Amino acid sequence: MYKPHAEDDDFGQAGTLVRKVLSDEQRERLAQNIIGHVGNNVSQP
């Protein structure tokens, strides 16, 4: 059975990818992709 470690979390690996691996251009492209997909089919209340 797996026992979680104190340093385990759901955001560490993703945060490291964004902060330390991706270039500025790649971060911008990622943000635009997320914004574009989240905004699909959204209407004003």
PDB file of N, CA and C in Angstrom:
ATOM      1  N   MET A   1       0.841  -1.179   0.000  1.00  0.00           N
ATOM      2  CA  MET A   1       0.000   0.000   0.000  1.00  0.00           C
ATOM      3  C   MET A   1       0.888   1.245   0.000  1.00  0.00           C
ATOM      4  N   TYR A   2       0.473   2.261  -0.770  1.00  0.00           N
ATOM      5  CA  TYR A   2       1.225   3.508  -0.872  1.00  0.00           C
ATOM      6  C   TYR A   2       0.981   4.380   0.350  1.00  0.00           C
ATOM      7  N   LYS A   3       2.067   4.900   0.899  1.00  0.00           N
ATOM      8  CA  LYS A   3       1.953   5.830   2.020  1.00  0.00           C
ATOM      9  C   LYS A   3       2.496   7.176   1.552  1.00  0.00           C
ATOM     10  N   PRO A   4       1.665   8.210   1.545  1.00  0.00           N
ATOM     11  CA  PRO A   4       2.117   9.512   1.073  1.00  0.00           C
ATOM     12  C   PRO A   4       3.220  10.080   1.962  1.00  0.00           C
ATOM     13  N   HIS A   5       4.092  10.844   1.326  1.00  0.00           N
ATOM     14  CA  HIS A   5       5.173  11.518   2.032  1.00  0.00           C
ATOM     15  C   HIS A   5       4.747  12.941   2.345  1.00  0.00           C
ATOM     16  N   ALA A   6       5.373  13.543   3.330  1.00  0.00           N
ATOM     17  CA  ALA A   6       5.028  14.908   3.733  1.00  0.00           C
ATOM     18  C   ALA A   6       5.207  15.895   2.583  1.00  0.00           C
ATOM     19  N   GLU A   7       6.180  15.648   1.705  1.00  0.00           N
ATOM     20  CA  GLU A   7       6.432  16.587   0.608  1.00  0.00           C
ATOM     21  C   GLU A   7       5.555  16.333  -0.622  1.00  0.00           C
ATOM     22  N   ASP A   8       4.716  15.323  -0.587  1.00  0.00           N
ATOM     23  CA  ASP A   8       3.805  15.059  -1.704  1.00  0.00           C
ATOM     24  C   ASP A   8       2.724  16.134  -1.757  1.00  0.00           C
ATOM     25  N   ASP A   9       2.474  16.635  -2.940  1.00  0.00           N
ATOM     26  CA  ASP A   9       1.360  17.550  -3.140  1.00  0.00           C
ATOM     27  C   ASP A   9       0.913  17.457  -4.594  1.00  0.00           C
ATOM     28  N   ASP A  10      -0.191  18.112  -4.919  1.00  0.00           N
ATOM     29  CA  ASP A  10      -0.743  18.033  -6.265  1.00  0.00           C
ATOM     30  C   ASP A  10      -0.214  19.118  -7.190  1.00  0.00           C
ATOM     31  N   PHE A  11       0.577  20.041  -6.677  1.00  0.00           N
ATOM     32  CA  PHE A  11       0.941  21.212  -7.463  1.00  0.00           C
ATOM     33  C   PHE A  11       2.441  21.378  -7.681  1.00  0.00           C
ATOM     34  N   GLY A  12       3.261  20.677  -6.942  1.00  0.00           N
ATOM     35  CA  GLY A  12       4.709  20.868  -7.015  1.00  0.00           C
ATOM     36  C   GLY A  12       5.291  20.635  -8.396  1.00  0.00           C
ATOM     37  N   GLN A  13       4.977  19.516  -9.000  1.00  0.00           N
ATOM     38  CA  GLN A  13       5.539  19.189 -10.308  1.00  0.00           C
ATOM     39  C   GLN A  13       5.053  20.159 -11.372  1.00  0.00           C
ATOM     40  N   ALA A  14       3.772  20.485 -11.355  1.00  0.00           N
ATOM     41  CA  ALA A  14       3.238  21.438 -12.335  1.00  0.00           C
ATOM     42  C   ALA A  14       3.853  22.820 -12.140  1.00  0.00           C
ATOM     43  N   GLY A  15       4.007  23.241 -10.889  1.00  0.00           N
ATOM     44  CA  GLY A  15       4.612  24.541 -10.609  1.00  0.00           C
ATOM     45  C   GLY A  15       6.046  24.619 -11.071  1.00  0.00           C
ATOM     46  N   THR A  16       6.804  23.556 -10.857  1.00  0.00           N
ATOM     47  CA  THR A  16       8.190  23.516 -11.313  1.00  0.00           C
ATOM     48  C   THR A  16       8.253  23.588 -12.828  1.00  0.00           C
ATOM     49  N   LEU A  17       7.366  22.885 -13.505  1.00  0.00           N
ATOM     50  CA  LEU A  17       7.331  22.928 -14.964  1.00  0.00           C
ATOM     51  C   LEU A  17       7.121  24.355 -15.449  1.00  0.00           C
ATOM     52  N   VAL A  18       6.136  25.032 -14.891  1.00  0.00           N
ATOM     53  CA  VAL A  18       5.810  26.384 -15.351  1.00  0.00           C
ATOM     54  C   VAL A  18       6.907  27.369 -14.984  1.00  0.00           C
ATOM     55  N   ARG A  19       7.420  27.304 -13.761  1.00  0.00           N
ATOM     56  CA  ARG A  19       8.396  28.299 -13.303  1.00  0.00           C
ATOM     57  C   ARG A  19       9.809  28.057 -13.803  1.00  0.00           C
ATOM     58  N   LYS A  20      10.225  26.800 -13.921  1.00  0.00           N
ATOM     59  CA  LYS A  20      11.640  26.518 -14.170  1.00  0.00           C
ATOM     60  C   LYS A  20      11.946  25.869 -15.512  1.00  0.00           C
ATOM     61  N   VAL A  21      10.940  25.299 -16.176  1.00  0.00           N
ATOM     62  CA  VAL A  21      11.200  24.573 -17.418  1.00  0.00           C
ATOM     63  C   VAL A  21      10.723  25.360 -18.641  1.00  0.00           C
ATOM     64  N   LEU A  22       9.512  25.889 -18.590  1.00  0.00           N
ATOM     65  CA  LEU A  22       8.954  26.583 -19.742  1.00  0.00           C
ATOM     66  C   LEU A  22       9.607  27.952 -19.925  1.00  0.00           C
ATOM     67  N   SER A  23       9.797  28.326 -21.181  1.00  0.00           N
ATOM     68  CA  SER A  23      10.291  29.669 -21.498  1.00  0.00           C
ATOM     69  C   SER A  23       9.134  30.662 -21.374  1.00  0.00           C
ATOM     70  N   ASP A  24       9.446  31.954 -21.448  1.00  0.00           N
ATOM     71  CA  ASP A  24       8.396  32.977 -21.404  1.00  0.00           C
ATOM     72  C   ASP A  24       7.379  32.759 -22.517  1.00  0.00           C
ATOM     73  N   GLU A  25       7.859  32.442 -23.706  1.00  0.00           N
ATOM     74  CA  GLU A  25       6.968  32.220 -24.844  1.00  0.00           C
ATOM     75  C   GLU A  25       6.075  31.005 -24.613  1.00  0.00           C
ATOM     76  N   GLN A  26       6.624  29.944 -24.052  1.00  0.00           N
ATOM     77  CA  GLN A  26       5.844  28.740 -23.791  1.00  0.00           C
ATOM     78  C   GLN A  26       4.798  28.993 -22.707  1.00  0.00           C
ATOM     79  N   ARG A  27       5.158  29.762 -21.675  1.00  0.00           N
ATOM     80  CA  ARG A  27       4.191  30.112 -20.629  1.00  0.00           C
ATOM     81  C   ARG A  27       3.042  30.935 -21.209  1.00  0.00           C
ATOM     82  N   GLU A  28       3.366  31.879 -22.085  1.00  0.00           N
ATOM     83  CA  GLU A  28       2.336  32.700 -22.716  1.00  0.00           C
ATOM     84  C   GLU A  28       1.395  31.844 -23.557  1.00  0.00           C
ATOM     85  N   ARG A  29       1.963  30.925 -24.330  1.00  0.00           N
ATOM     86  CA  ARG A  29       1.157  30.029 -25.168  1.00  0.00           C
ATOM     87  C   ARG A  29       0.260  29.139 -24.295  1.00  0.00           C
ATOM     88  N   LEU A  30       0.808  28.630 -23.201  1.00  0.00           N
ATOM     89  CA  LEU A  30       0.027  27.803 -22.281  1.00  0.00           C
ATOM     90  C   LEU A  30      -1.136  28.611 -21.705  1.00  0.00           C
ATOM     91  N   ALA A  31      -0.860  29.823 -21.271  1.00  0.00           N
ATOM     92  CA  ALA A  31      -1.916  30.671 -20.706  1.00  0.00           C
ATOM     93  C   ALA A  31      -2.993  30.945 -21.739  1.00  0.00           C
ATOM     94  N   GLN A  32      -2.605  31.263 -22.960  1.00  0.00           N
ATOM     95  CA  GLN A  32      -3.592  31.545 -24.003  1.00  0.00           C
ATOM     96  C   GLN A  32      -4.416  30.305 -24.334  1.00  0.00           C
ATOM     97  N   ASN A  33      -3.802  29.135 -24.333  1.00  0.00           N
ATOM     98  CA  ASN A  33      -4.550  27.887 -24.568  1.00  0.00           C
ATOM     99  C   ASN A  33      -5.580  27.649 -23.470  1.00  0.00           C
ATOM    100  N   ILE A  34      -5.168  27.847 -22.226  1.00  0.00           N
ATOM    101  CA  ILE A  34      -6.087  27.634 -21.099  1.00  0.00           C
ATOM    102  C   ILE A  34      -7.234  28.632 -21.175  1.00  0.00           C
ATOM    103  N   ILE A  35      -6.905  29.912 -21.384  1.00  0.00           N
ATOM    104  CA  ILE A  35      -7.932  30.945 -21.470  1.00  0.00           C
ATOM    105  C   ILE A  35      -8.900  30.650 -22.614  1.00  0.00           C
ATOM    106  N   GLY A  36      -8.375  30.253 -23.753  1.00  0.00           N
ATOM    107  CA  GLY A  36      -9.217  29.960 -24.908  1.00  0.00           C
ATOM    108  C   GLY A  36     -10.161  28.803 -24.669  1.00  0.00           C
ATOM    109  N   HIS A  37      -9.688  27.753 -24.023  1.00  0.00           N
ATOM    110  CA  HIS A  37     -10.526  26.583 -23.789  1.00  0.00           C
ATOM    111  C   HIS A  37     -11.540  26.824 -22.673  1.00  0.00           C
ATOM    112  N   VAL A  38     -11.135  27.518 -21.636  1.00  0.00           N
ATOM    113  CA  VAL A  38     -12.044  27.774 -20.525  1.00  0.00           C
ATOM    114  C   VAL A  38     -13.159  28.708 -20.975  1.00  0.00           C
ATOM    115  N   GLY A  39     -12.844  29.624 -21.886  1.00  0.00           N
ATOM    116  CA  GLY A  39     -13.834  30.595 -22.337  1.00  0.00           C
ATOM    117  C   GLY A  39     -14.828  30.070 -23.353  1.00  0.00           C
ATOM    118  N   ASN A  40     -14.629  28.872 -23.872  1.00  0.00           N
ATOM    119  CA  ASN A  40     -15.564  28.317 -24.858  1.00  0.00           C
ATOM    120  C   ASN A  40     -16.944  28.117 -24.250  1.00  0.00           C
ATOM    121  N   ASN A  41     -17.944  28.544 -25.002  1.00  0.00           N
ATOM    122  CA  ASN A  41     -19.346  28.336 -24.623  1.00  0.00           C
ATOM    123  C   ASN A  41     -19.730  29.009 -23.299  1.00  0.00           C
ATOM    124  N   VAL A  42     -19.057  30.086 -22.970  1.00  0.00           N
ATOM    125  CA  VAL A  42     -19.409  30.840 -21.773  1.00  0.00           C
ATOM    126  C   VAL A  42     -20.194  32.062 -22.221  1.00  0.00           C
ATOM    127  N   SER A  43     -21.308  32.304 -21.557  1.00  0.00           N
ATOM    128  CA  SER A  43     -22.128  33.463 -21.897  1.00  0.00           C
ATOM    129  C   SER A  43     -22.268  34.365 -20.678  1.00  0.00           C
ATOM    130  N   GLN A  44     -22.643  35.593 -20.931  1.00  0.00           N
ATOM    131  CA  GLN A  44     -22.893  36.536 -19.841  1.00  0.00           C
ATOM    132  C   GLN A  44     -24.104  36.071 -19.050  1.00  0.00           C
ATOM    133  N   PRO A  45     -24.109  36.250 -17.744  1.00  0.00           N
ATOM    134  CA  PRO A  45     -25.291  35.858 -16.940  1.00  0.00           C
ATOM    135  C   PRO A  45     -26.493  36.732 -17.257  1.00  0.00           C
TER     136      PRO A  45
END
